[in-house]
Amino acid sequence: MSVLDIQRRGQQIGRLRIGEQVAIIKDGRDTGKTRPVRRETFRLTTTSRYMADAAADYFGSEAKPWNGQWEVDTKRAEIAVMVPPRDAVVSQWYEMWNAGGCVRRCDSRREQISSGPCQCPHAGDPDDAAEVERAALKRAGMAKQGDACSLVTRVNVMIPDLPGLGVFRLDTHSFYAASEIGDTAYILEKARDKGVFLPALVRIDQRQRVSGGQTKRFPVLTLEITVTLRQITSGELAAGGVAAQLPPAPGEQRRAIAAGAATPPLAAGVVPGEVVDAEIVDEWLDAALASAATLPDEDSGRALWRAAAEKANAGEITAASARRIQELITARLADLRSDTAAALDPEDPWAVKVEGLDSEPDASDALGELEGLREAGSVDPARAARVRAAILLRFPRAAA
């Protein structure tokens, strides 16, 4: 076990793809050319016929030859996976490729292959949100012409219900995916330090944005860890063994972590050692639904959201019930934000800035700037609350 840096990367046994090439038809005839299209479900590819047949059985599909490999249409936009405790589970680079392979790979500052400075447009001041955005837009435009690097995020996951102990790789060029998956780096680092596998879901989220008076739909690859940071850092997940780290099997709800697990808080009236009665669960659910519709503030909403997720993970309520609660929370917070945002003075410079936001990344940057000004005392808390509400009213996910 001396070559740990190699062993911990894991064998790649296939890929999960969210795009494919389709034939270009003109005047009812195949032109012999292809174009890339986005998919609404994952496509699995592998060089192993055995793996392809197993995947076809698992996903209720069929294995077909594809470019010297095998492909399986999973027919799913969401797949239960495990994130292994290895290095390079998630990697993010700006890259440029040609027929000879990768010719540039940089982190927006240093080009790794030549060990020289980044050759693409990048912000001189990474803390200047406007400059970062301008550089990113310029780089993306040049990348389409082959004159600059493209953003690439790679994620390696295991599918525990398929044979083999290797990983499936997912690639995405999405800015949104890079931002959101990058946020999980801290959790992945903690899991790696604890030597635990993380149960998770990979999902193709169908999103939309309005820009220039047009609504555009686009898919975003997401990686959703289905256990809490507390379960990881406290050792609770590790104590439960590998079985507790598995995602639910098809048609099965997530099991509560048992062996060696920390004891969760008991519901009122429950005696230690007793099975939680369905009536008590129903009472909690009824109270949670009522509370979600009448939340007094955002902090209460976040607390109830976490409680619903934890109970769903423990199998105490169904995923559908958790979603009902969270949908009510979302609606209630939108009402609260609307009321607070209405108090924002139209002449306030921040009101103009809020109206000028046209994407979630812009909104996230604005929230960060606002928080910094509030902490510095440049914006009073009441005004900051009104501005924050106005931003989140337009871009609810910006606070995620």
Protein backbone atom coordinates (compact mmCIF):
# COMPACT_ATOMS: atom_id res chain seq x y z
CA MET A 1 0.00 0.00 0.00
CA SER A 2 2.93 2.37 -0.61
CA VAL A 3 1.69 4.02 -3.82
CA LEU A 4 -1.32 5.66 -2.19
CA ASP A 5 -1.57 8.62 -4.53
CA ILE A 6 -2.25 6.27 -7.45
CA GLN A 7 -4.44 3.76 -5.61
CA ARG A 8 -6.74 6.41 -4.17
CA ARG A 9 -7.71 7.74 -7.60
CA GLY A 10 -9.61 4.57 -8.47
CA GLN A 11 -10.12 2.81 -11.79
CA GLN A 12 -12.45 4.55 -14.24
CA ILE A 13 -14.88 1.90 -15.47
CA GLY A 14 -17.21 4.14 -17.44
CA ARG A 15 -18.71 7.56 -17.88
CA LEU A 16 -22.07 9.19 -17.26
CA ARG A 17 -22.86 11.70 -20.00
CA ILE A 18 -25.49 14.44 -20.31
CA GLY A 19 -24.99 15.08 -24.02
CA GLU A 20 -24.71 13.23 -27.30
CA GLN A 21 -24.14 13.74 -31.02
CA VAL A 22 -27.13 13.52 -33.37
CA ALA A 23 -27.28 13.47 -37.15
CA ILE A 24 -27.91 16.74 -39.00
CA ILE A 25 -30.89 16.26 -41.31
CA LYS A 26 -31.43 18.70 -44.17
CA ASP A 27 -34.34 18.53 -46.57
CA GLY A 28 -35.20 15.12 -45.14
CA ARG A 29 -31.74 13.70 -45.89
CA ASP A 30 -28.84 12.78 -43.61
CA THR A 31 -25.97 15.19 -44.31
CA GLY A 32 -23.40 12.82 -42.79
CA LYS A 33 -22.63 15.47 -40.16
CA THR A 34 -23.52 15.59 -36.48
CA ARG A 35 -24.21 18.22 -33.86
CA PRO A 36 -24.10 18.06 -30.05
CA VAL A 37 -27.38 18.13 -28.12
CA ARG A 38 -28.18 18.15 -24.41
CA ARG A 39 -30.04 15.26 -22.84
CA GLU A 40 -32.68 15.18 -20.14
CA THR A 41 -31.46 11.78 -18.87
CA PHE A 42 -28.02 10.27 -18.24
CA ARG A 43 -26.27 8.12 -20.83
CA LEU A 44 -23.79 5.55 -19.51
CA THR A 45 -20.82 4.49 -21.65
CA THR A 46 -18.19 1.82 -20.94
CA THR A 47 -15.66 -0.36 -22.72
CA SER A 48 -16.88 -3.43 -20.79
CA ARG A 49 -19.68 -5.46 -22.34
CA TYR A 50 -20.26 -7.14 -18.97
CA MET A 51 -20.71 -3.76 -17.29
CA ALA A 52 -22.97 -2.53 -20.08
CA ASP A 53 -25.24 -5.58 -19.79
CA ALA A 54 -25.42 -5.19 -16.01
CA ALA A 55 -26.25 -1.49 -16.38
CA ALA A 56 -28.93 -2.30 -18.95
CA ASP A 57 -30.56 -4.74 -16.53
CA TYR A 58 -30.34 -2.26 -13.66
CA PHE A 59 -31.80 0.68 -15.58
CA GLY A 60 -34.37 -1.38 -17.54
CA SER A 61 -32.75 -0.50 -20.84
CA GLU A 62 -30.48 -2.16 -23.42
CA ALA A 63 -26.77 -2.06 -24.26
CA LYS A 64 -25.85 -0.79 -27.72
CA PRO A 65 -22.50 -0.54 -29.53
CA TRP A 66 -21.12 3.02 -29.61
CA ASN A 67 -17.78 4.22 -31.02
CA GLY A 68 -15.98 1.00 -30.11
CA GLN A 69 -17.60 1.01 -26.66
CA TRP A 70 -21.06 0.28 -25.26
CA GLU A 71 -23.76 2.74 -24.28
CA VAL A 72 -26.88 2.45 -22.13
CA ASP A 73 -29.69 5.00 -21.95
CA THR A 74 -30.39 5.06 -18.22
CA LYS A 75 -33.76 6.78 -18.77
CA ARG A 76 -33.11 8.59 -15.49
CA ALA A 77 -32.37 12.21 -14.67
CA GLU A 78 -31.33 11.21 -11.13
CA ILE A 79 -29.05 8.34 -10.04
CA ALA A 80 -28.12 7.20 -6.51
CA VAL A 81 -24.32 7.09 -6.18
CA MET A 82 -21.49 7.03 -3.65
CA VAL A 83 -18.63 9.52 -3.52
CA PRO A 84 -15.46 7.60 -2.55
CA PRO A 85 -12.91 8.95 -0.04
CA ARG A 86 -10.24 9.48 -2.68
CA ASP A 87 -8.17 12.29 -4.11
CA ALA A 88 -9.34 14.00 -7.30
CA VAL A 89 -13.01 13.07 -6.78
CA VAL A 90 -13.85 16.53 -8.09
CA SER A 91 -11.47 18.49 -10.31
CA GLN A 92 -11.96 21.87 -11.98
CA TRP A 93 -9.73 23.42 -14.62
CA TYR A 94 -9.75 25.75 -17.58
CA GLU A 95 -8.58 23.60 -20.50
CA MET A 96 -7.83 23.85 -24.21
CA TRP A 97 -7.74 20.70 -26.34
CA ASN A 98 -6.78 19.90 -29.93
CA ALA A 99 -6.30 16.68 -31.92
CA GLY A 100 -3.04 16.05 -30.06
CA GLY A 101 -4.62 16.26 -26.61
CA CYS A 102 -4.72 18.87 -23.87
CA VAL A 103 -2.46 21.82 -24.74
CA ARG A 104 -3.41 24.13 -21.84
CA ARG A 105 -4.69 23.55 -18.32
CA CYS A 106 -4.88 26.45 -15.89
CA ASP A 107 -6.54 27.65 -12.70
CA SER A 108 -7.05 31.21 -14.09
CA ARG A 109 -3.64 32.21 -12.76
CA ARG A 110 -1.07 29.53 -13.59
CA GLU A 111 -0.90 27.35 -16.71
CA GLN A 112 0.03 23.86 -15.51
CA ILE A 113 1.57 22.34 -18.65
CA SER A 114 4.03 25.14 -19.40
CA SER A 115 4.30 26.29 -15.76
CA GLY A 116 3.77 29.80 -17.09
CA PRO A 117 1.11 32.41 -16.44
CA CYS A 118 -2.49 31.94 -17.61
CA GLN A 119 -2.78 32.96 -21.28
CA CYS A 120 -6.54 33.58 -21.28
CA PRO A 121 -8.41 36.71 -20.14
CA HIS A 122 -8.75 36.77 -16.37
CA ALA A 123 -9.50 39.36 -13.72
CA GLY A 124 -6.51 41.20 -12.33
CA ASP A 125 -8.40 41.54 -9.06
CA PRO A 126 -10.28 38.30 -8.22
CA ASP A 127 -12.25 40.19 -5.54
CA ASP A 128 -13.72 42.58 -8.12
CA ALA A 129 -16.96 40.85 -9.11
CA ALA A 130 -17.55 43.08 -12.15
CA GLU A 131 -14.04 42.50 -13.48
CA VAL A 132 -14.30 38.74 -12.89
CA GLU A 133 -17.58 38.65 -14.83
CA ARG A 134 -16.19 40.67 -17.74
CA ALA A 135 -13.15 38.39 -17.99
CA ALA A 136 -15.30 35.25 -17.78
CA LEU A 137 -17.61 36.43 -20.57
CA LYS A 138 -14.67 37.35 -22.78
CA ARG A 139 -12.95 34.01 -22.11
CA ALA A 140 -16.15 32.05 -22.82
CA GLY A 141 -16.62 33.86 -26.13
CA MET A 142 -13.03 33.20 -27.17
CA ALA A 143 -13.30 29.54 -26.09
CA LYS A 144 -16.17 29.00 -28.55
CA GLN A 145 -13.79 30.06 -31.32
CA GLY A 146 -10.98 27.85 -29.98
CA ASP A 147 -8.92 30.86 -28.85
CA ALA A 148 -9.17 30.36 -25.07
CA CYS A 149 -9.64 27.63 -22.48
CA SER A 150 -13.05 26.22 -21.53
CA LEU A 151 -14.17 25.57 -17.96
CA VAL A 152 -14.29 21.81 -17.20
CA THR A 153 -15.58 20.18 -14.00
CA ARG A 154 -15.07 16.43 -13.55
CA VAL A 155 -16.77 14.33 -10.89
CA ASN A 156 -15.97 10.68 -10.07
CA VAL A 157 -18.67 8.58 -8.42
CA MET A 158 -19.49 4.93 -7.78
CA ILE A 159 -22.82 3.25 -8.55
CA PRO A 160 -23.07 0.66 -5.74
CA ASP A 161 -25.70 -1.49 -7.49
CA LEU A 162 -23.45 -2.15 -10.49
CA PRO A 163 -20.50 -4.60 -10.51
CA GLY A 164 -16.94 -3.42 -10.07
CA LEU A 165 -15.23 -1.14 -7.56
CA GLY A 166 -14.22 1.60 -9.98
CA VAL A 167 -15.70 5.01 -10.67
CA PHE A 168 -17.85 6.60 -13.34
CA ARG A 169 -16.73 10.02 -14.50
CA LEU A 170 -19.05 12.92 -15.29
CA ASP A 171 -17.82 15.98 -17.20
CA THR A 172 -19.59 19.33 -17.47
CA HIS A 173 -18.67 22.73 -18.92
CA SER A 174 -21.46 24.52 -17.05
CA PHE A 175 -20.57 27.62 -15.02
CA TYR A 176 -23.47 26.91 -12.66
CA ALA A 177 -22.38 23.30 -12.10
CA ALA A 178 -18.80 24.44 -11.45
CA SER A 179 -19.96 26.98 -8.86
CA GLU A 180 -22.33 24.61 -7.04
CA ILE A 181 -20.26 21.42 -7.13
CA GLY A 182 -17.20 23.42 -6.09
CA ASP A 183 -19.05 24.38 -2.91
CA THR A 184 -19.05 20.71 -1.81
CA ALA A 185 -15.23 20.62 -1.69
CA TYR A 186 -15.16 21.21 2.09
CA ILE A 187 -17.56 18.33 2.77
CA LEU A 188 -15.62 16.01 0.45
CA GLU A 189 -12.39 16.92 2.22
CA LYS A 190 -13.90 16.10 5.62
CA ALA A 191 -15.24 12.78 4.32
CA ARG A 192 -11.86 11.87 2.87
CA ASP A 193 -10.17 12.64 6.20
CA LYS A 194 -12.69 10.34 7.94
CA GLY A 195 -12.26 7.63 5.27
CA VAL A 196 -16.01 7.41 4.59
CA PHE A 197 -18.05 7.03 1.43
CA LEU A 198 -20.73 9.67 0.96
CA PRO A 199 -24.18 8.64 -0.29
CA ALA A 200 -25.31 11.14 -2.90
CA LEU A 201 -27.50 11.82 -5.90
CA VAL A 202 -26.28 13.00 -9.30
CA ARG A 203 -29.05 14.81 -11.08
CA ILE A 204 -29.73 16.77 -14.26
CA ASP A 205 -31.59 19.87 -13.12
CA GLN A 206 -33.65 21.59 -15.81
CA ARG A 207 -33.38 25.32 -15.16
CA GLN A 208 -34.31 28.51 -16.89
CA ARG A 209 -33.23 32.12 -16.91
CA VAL A 210 -34.72 35.24 -18.43
CA SER A 211 -32.31 37.48 -20.31
CA GLY A 212 -33.02 40.11 -22.94
CA GLY A 213 -36.72 39.37 -22.72
CA GLN A 214 -36.21 35.70 -23.62
CA THR A 215 -36.57 32.63 -21.42
CA LYS A 216 -33.83 30.06 -21.92
CA ARG A 217 -33.93 26.48 -20.58
CA PHE A 218 -30.71 24.64 -19.84
CA PRO A 219 -29.62 21.52 -17.91
CA VAL A 220 -27.23 21.73 -14.95
CA LEU A 221 -25.40 18.75 -13.47
CA THR A 222 -25.76 18.68 -9.67
CA LEU A 223 -24.17 16.54 -6.97
CA GLU A 224 -26.36 16.36 -3.86
CA ILE A 225 -24.82 14.85 -0.73
CA THR A 226 -27.61 13.13 1.22
CA VAL A 227 -26.05 13.12 4.70
CA THR A 228 -25.32 16.05 6.98
CA LEU A 229 -21.98 17.63 7.79
CA ARG A 230 -22.63 16.77 11.45
CA GLN A 231 -22.95 13.07 10.61
CA ILE A 232 -19.61 13.20 8.79
CA THR A 233 -17.53 15.27 11.20
CA SER A 234 -18.91 13.68 14.39
CA GLY A 235 -17.88 10.20 13.23
CA GLU A 236 -21.51 9.05 13.17
CA LEU A 237 -21.36 8.04 9.51
CA ALA A 238 -18.06 6.18 9.90
CA ALA A 239 -19.33 4.37 13.02
CA GLY A 240 -22.30 3.03 11.08
CA GLY A 241 -19.98 1.11 8.74
CA VAL A 242 -20.04 0.93 4.94
CA ALA A 243 -23.67 -0.26 4.95
CA ALA A 244 -24.74 3.06 6.49
CA GLN A 245 -22.82 4.89 3.78
CA LEU A 246 -24.72 3.23 0.94
CA PRO A 247 -27.46 5.18 -0.82
CA PRO A 248 -30.91 3.54 -0.71
CA ALA A 249 -31.44 0.63 -3.10
CA PRO A 250 -34.02 1.20 -5.87
CA GLY A 251 -37.46 1.66 -4.29
CA GLU A 252 -36.02 1.80 -0.77
CA GLN A 253 -36.06 4.79 1.60
CA ARG A 254 -32.84 5.89 3.24
CA ARG A 255 -32.17 3.95 6.43
CA ALA A 256 -31.37 5.62 9.73
CA ILE A 257 -27.72 5.16 10.72
CA ALA A 258 -27.68 2.49 13.40
CA ALA A 259 -24.53 0.74 14.63
CA GLY A 260 -22.38 3.10 16.64
CA ALA A 261 -24.44 6.11 15.59
CA ALA A 262 -25.05 9.08 17.81
CA THR A 263 -28.54 9.10 19.29
CA PRO A 264 -30.77 11.74 17.65
CA PRO A 265 -32.98 13.97 19.80
CA LEU A 266 -36.20 12.19 20.79
CA ALA A 267 -39.61 13.55 19.96
CA ALA A 268 -41.66 14.76 22.92
CA GLY A 269 -43.22 11.85 24.80
CA VAL A 270 -40.95 9.18 23.30
CA VAL A 271 -39.27 6.82 25.78
CA PRO A 272 -35.68 5.77 24.88
CA GLY A 273 -35.66 2.36 23.23
CA GLU A 274 -39.22 2.61 21.93
CA VAL A 275 -40.09 2.67 18.25
CA VAL A 276 -41.30 6.13 17.21
CA ASP A 277 -45.06 5.78 16.87
CA ALA A 278 -46.63 6.71 13.55
CA GLU A 279 -49.03 9.00 15.40
CA ILE A 280 -46.12 11.02 16.82
CA VAL A 281 -44.60 11.31 13.33
CA ASP A 282 -47.96 12.45 11.96
CA GLU A 283 -48.23 15.06 14.71
CA TRP A 284 -44.76 16.38 13.86
CA LEU A 285 -45.64 16.46 10.16
CA ASP A 286 -48.92 18.31 10.76
CA ALA A 287 -47.13 20.85 12.97
CA ALA A 288 -44.32 21.25 10.43
CA LEU A 289 -46.76 21.85 7.55
CA ALA A 290 -48.61 24.47 9.60
CA SER A 291 -45.36 26.12 10.67
CA ALA A 292 -43.98 26.19 7.12
CA ALA A 293 -46.97 28.21 5.94
CA THR A 294 -46.65 30.80 8.73
CA LEU A 295 -42.89 31.20 9.21
CA PRO A 296 -41.95 34.47 10.96
CA ASP A 297 -38.50 34.81 9.37
CA GLU A 298 -35.86 33.18 7.13
CA ASP A 299 -33.86 31.67 10.02
CA SER A 300 -36.95 29.71 11.08
CA GLY A 301 -37.38 28.55 7.49
CA ARG A 302 -33.81 27.29 7.26
CA ALA A 303 -34.13 25.42 10.57
CA LEU A 304 -37.37 23.71 9.51
CA TRP A 305 -35.89 22.87 6.08
CA ARG A 306 -32.95 21.09 7.75
CA ALA A 307 -35.25 19.26 10.17
CA ALA A 308 -37.40 17.96 7.30
CA ALA A 309 -34.33 16.78 5.39
CA GLU A 310 -32.91 15.01 8.45
CA LYS A 311 -36.18 13.21 9.15
CA ALA A 312 -36.44 12.11 5.51
CA ASN A 313 -32.83 10.81 5.61
CA ALA A 314 -33.64 8.92 8.81
CA GLY A 315 -36.73 7.36 7.23
CA GLU A 316 -39.07 9.00 9.76
CA ILE A 317 -41.02 10.81 7.03
CA THR A 318 -41.22 10.19 3.30
CA ALA A 319 -39.27 12.18 0.73
CA ALA A 320 -42.60 13.41 -0.64
CA SER A 321 -43.57 14.80 2.78
CA ALA A 322 -40.20 16.55 3.09
CA ARG A 323 -40.71 18.09 -0.34
CA ARG A 324 -44.20 19.32 0.68
CA ILE A 325 -42.73 21.05 3.72
CA GLN A 326 -39.89 22.55 1.69
CA GLU A 327 -42.23 23.78 -1.02
CA LEU A 328 -44.33 25.56 1.63
CA ILE A 329 -41.15 27.04 3.11
CA THR A 330 -40.09 28.31 -0.32
CA ALA A 331 -43.49 29.91 -0.91
CA ARG A 332 -43.57 31.50 2.55
CA LEU A 333 -40.05 32.91 2.21
CA ALA A 334 -41.00 34.38 -1.16
CA ASP A 335 -43.92 36.18 0.56
CA LEU A 336 -41.66 37.44 3.36
CA ARG A 337 -39.06 38.65 0.89
CA SER A 338 -41.74 40.37 -1.18
CA ASP A 339 -43.01 42.29 1.85
CA THR A 340 -39.49 43.28 2.93
CA ALA A 341 -38.34 44.15 -0.60
CA ALA A 342 -41.38 46.41 -1.05
CA ALA A 343 -39.92 48.67 1.62
CA LEU A 344 -36.75 49.26 -0.44
CA ASP A 345 -36.62 52.88 -1.62
CA PRO A 346 -36.72 52.96 -5.47
CA GLU A 347 -34.17 55.81 -5.28
CA ASP A 348 -31.76 53.65 -3.28
CA PRO A 349 -28.65 52.92 -5.47
CA TRP A 350 -28.99 49.28 -4.47
CA ALA A 351 -32.49 49.16 -5.99
CA VAL A 352 -30.97 50.05 -9.36
CA LYS A 353 -28.24 47.46 -8.89
CA VAL A 354 -30.77 44.76 -8.01
CA GLU A 355 -32.75 45.48 -11.17
CA GLY A 356 -29.57 45.16 -13.22
CA LEU A 357 -28.80 41.62 -12.03
CA ASP A 358 -29.40 39.03 -14.73
CA SER A 359 -28.01 35.75 -13.34
CA GLU A 360 -27.64 33.75 -10.12
CA PRO A 361 -23.83 34.19 -10.06
CA ASP A 362 -24.34 37.98 -10.28
CA ALA A 363 -26.90 37.79 -7.47
CA SER A 364 -24.58 35.67 -5.29
CA ASP A 365 -21.78 38.18 -5.80
CA ALA A 366 -24.13 41.04 -4.90
CA LEU A 367 -25.17 39.25 -1.69
CA GLY A 368 -21.51 38.79 -0.77
CA GLU A 369 -20.77 42.46 -1.40
CA LEU A 370 -23.83 43.49 0.61
CA GLU A 371 -22.84 41.31 3.57
CA GLY A 372 -19.34 42.77 3.54
CA LEU A 373 -20.73 46.32 3.61
CA ARG A 374 -23.15 45.40 6.40
CA GLU A 375 -20.36 43.91 8.52
CA ALA A 376 -18.21 46.99 7.89
CA GLY A 377 -21.06 49.23 9.03
CA SER A 378 -21.40 50.94 5.65
CA VAL A 379 -24.97 49.65 5.24
CA ASP A 380 -27.29 49.52 8.23
CA PRO A 381 -28.90 46.13 9.03
CA ALA A 382 -32.47 47.18 8.18
CA ARG A 383 -31.48 48.48 4.76
CA ALA A 384 -29.31 45.40 4.14
CA ALA A 385 -32.32 43.18 4.96
CA ARG A 386 -34.46 45.03 2.41
CA VAL A 387 -31.79 44.76 -0.30
CA ARG A 388 -31.16 41.08 0.47
CA ALA A 389 -34.90 40.35 0.24
CA ALA A 390 -35.11 42.15 -3.11
CA ILE A 391 -32.20 40.10 -4.51
CA LEU A 392 -33.56 36.78 -3.25
CA LEU A 393 -37.02 37.61 -4.54
CA ARG A 394 -35.54 37.62 -8.05
CA PHE A 395 -32.93 34.86 -7.53
CA PRO A 396 -34.01 32.55 -4.67
CA ARG A 397 -31.15 30.09 -5.28
CA ALA A 398 -28.48 32.81 -5.01
CA ALA A 399 -28.27 32.25 -1.25
CA ALA A 400 -27.64 28.49 -1.62
